[in-house]
Amino acid sequence: MSDTAAAAASDAEGSAAGALAPKGAGKDEKKRGLGGRIALFVRQVVAELKKVVRPTRSELVTYTSVVLVFVAVVMAFVTVVDLGIGQLTLWAFGG
């Protein structure tokens, strides 16, 4: 990698990190005590939980059905492979 490419990459990382950090996050992070950090964490968790969209009953039934069918198909596949390998082992080593 050339010097200019490395410099551009480090500048891009720095600007991306600065864009994602909240205003005033640099100095205040070190001054916050344990209680302040816990309170900030709880506020952020509550804010994220407010963004959650719960599925409707019909969506939930659909998603559950899809998962159960997928699990049944995978179980059947693994069962067939297991029986096949068992038969192959018996054939190879005698039973």
Protein backbone atom coordinates (compact mmCIF):
# COMPACT_ATOMS: atom_id res chain seq x y z
CA MET A 1 0.00 0.00 0.00
CA SER A 2 1.38 3.42 -0.88
CA ASP A 3 1.92 6.21 1.65
CA THR A 4 -0.93 8.27 0.23
CA ALA A 5 -3.33 5.31 0.35
CA ALA A 6 -2.40 4.60 3.98
CA ALA A 7 -2.89 8.27 4.87
CA ALA A 8 -6.25 8.36 3.10
CA ALA A 9 -7.34 5.20 4.91
CA SER A 10 -6.39 6.57 8.31
CA ASP A 11 -8.16 9.86 7.52
CA ALA A 12 -11.28 7.97 6.47
CA GLU A 13 -11.25 5.92 9.68
CA GLY A 14 -10.82 9.03 11.77
CA SER A 15 -13.63 10.91 10.06
CA ALA A 16 -15.95 7.89 10.27
CA ALA A 17 -15.25 7.49 13.98
CA GLY A 18 -15.84 11.19 14.51
CA ALA A 19 -19.10 11.07 12.58
CA LEU A 20 -20.43 8.19 14.68
CA ALA A 21 -19.41 9.59 18.05
CA PRO A 22 -21.97 11.80 19.80
CA LYS A 23 -21.13 15.45 20.38
CA GLY A 24 -18.91 15.96 23.38
CA ALA A 25 -18.18 12.25 23.76
CA GLY A 26 -14.42 12.76 23.95
CA LYS A 27 -13.89 14.60 27.25
CA ASP A 28 -17.08 13.64 29.07
CA GLU A 29 -16.46 9.90 28.71
CA LYS A 30 -13.54 10.03 31.14
CA LYS A 31 -15.32 12.30 33.64
CA ARG A 32 -18.40 10.09 34.03
CA GLY A 33 -18.46 7.90 37.07
CA LEU A 34 -19.81 4.40 37.34
CA GLY A 35 -23.34 5.57 38.12
CA GLY A 36 -23.34 7.96 35.18
CA ARG A 37 -22.18 5.26 32.79
CA ILE A 38 -24.84 2.84 34.05
CA ALA A 39 -27.53 5.53 33.68
CA LEU A 40 -26.34 6.27 30.14
CA PHE A 41 -26.46 2.57 29.30
CA VAL A 42 -30.01 2.22 30.66
CA ARG A 43 -31.17 5.31 28.70
CA GLN A 44 -29.65 3.90 25.52
CA VAL A 45 -31.29 0.50 26.09
CA VAL A 46 -34.70 2.12 26.62
CA ALA A 47 -34.22 4.24 23.48
CA GLU A 48 -33.36 1.14 21.42
CA LEU A 49 -36.32 -0.81 22.81
CA LYS A 50 -38.65 1.99 21.72
CA LYS A 51 -37.49 1.35 18.13
CA VAL A 52 -38.53 -2.32 18.22
CA VAL A 53 -41.43 -3.22 15.94
CA ARG A 54 -43.38 -6.21 17.21
CA PRO A 55 -44.79 -8.66 14.65
CA THR A 56 -48.53 -9.08 14.29
CA ARG A 57 -50.16 -12.36 15.28
CA SER A 58 -50.37 -13.57 11.68
CA GLU A 59 -46.71 -12.70 11.04
CA LEU A 60 -45.71 -14.51 14.23
CA VAL A 61 -47.64 -17.63 13.19
CA THR A 62 -46.05 -17.47 9.73
CA TYR A 63 -42.52 -17.05 11.08
CA THR A 64 -43.02 -19.86 13.61
CA SER A 65 -44.35 -22.20 10.90
CA VAL A 66 -41.40 -21.44 8.63
CA VAL A 67 -38.93 -22.16 11.43
CA LEU A 68 -40.63 -25.43 12.40
CA VAL A 69 -40.77 -26.64 8.78
CA PHE A 70 -37.11 -25.72 8.25
CA VAL A 71 -36.07 -27.57 11.42
CA ALA A 72 -38.07 -30.64 10.34
CA VAL A 73 -36.42 -30.62 6.89
CA VAL A 74 -32.95 -30.31 8.40
CA MET A 75 -33.72 -33.11 10.88
CA ALA A 76 -34.87 -35.37 8.03
CA PHE A 77 -31.74 -34.58 6.01
CA VAL A 78 -29.43 -35.29 8.95
CA THR A 79 -31.31 -38.52 9.69
CA VAL A 80 -30.93 -39.74 6.09
CA VAL A 81 -27.23 -38.84 6.05
CA ASP A 82 -26.70 -40.56 9.40
CA LEU A 83 -28.44 -43.74 8.27
CA GLY A 84 -26.48 -43.68 5.01
CA ILE A 85 -23.15 -43.31 6.79
CA GLY A 86 -24.16 -46.07 9.22
CA GLN A 87 -24.98 -48.44 6.36
CA LEU A 88 -21.73 -47.50 4.59
CA THR A 89 -19.77 -48.23 7.77
CA LEU A 90 -21.46 -51.60 8.19
CA TRP A 91 -20.74 -52.48 4.56
CA ALA A 92 -17.07 -51.37 4.82
CA PHE A 93 -16.21 -53.02 8.13
CA GLY A 94 -18.74 -55.84 8.22
CA GLY A 95 -21.47 -56.22 10.74
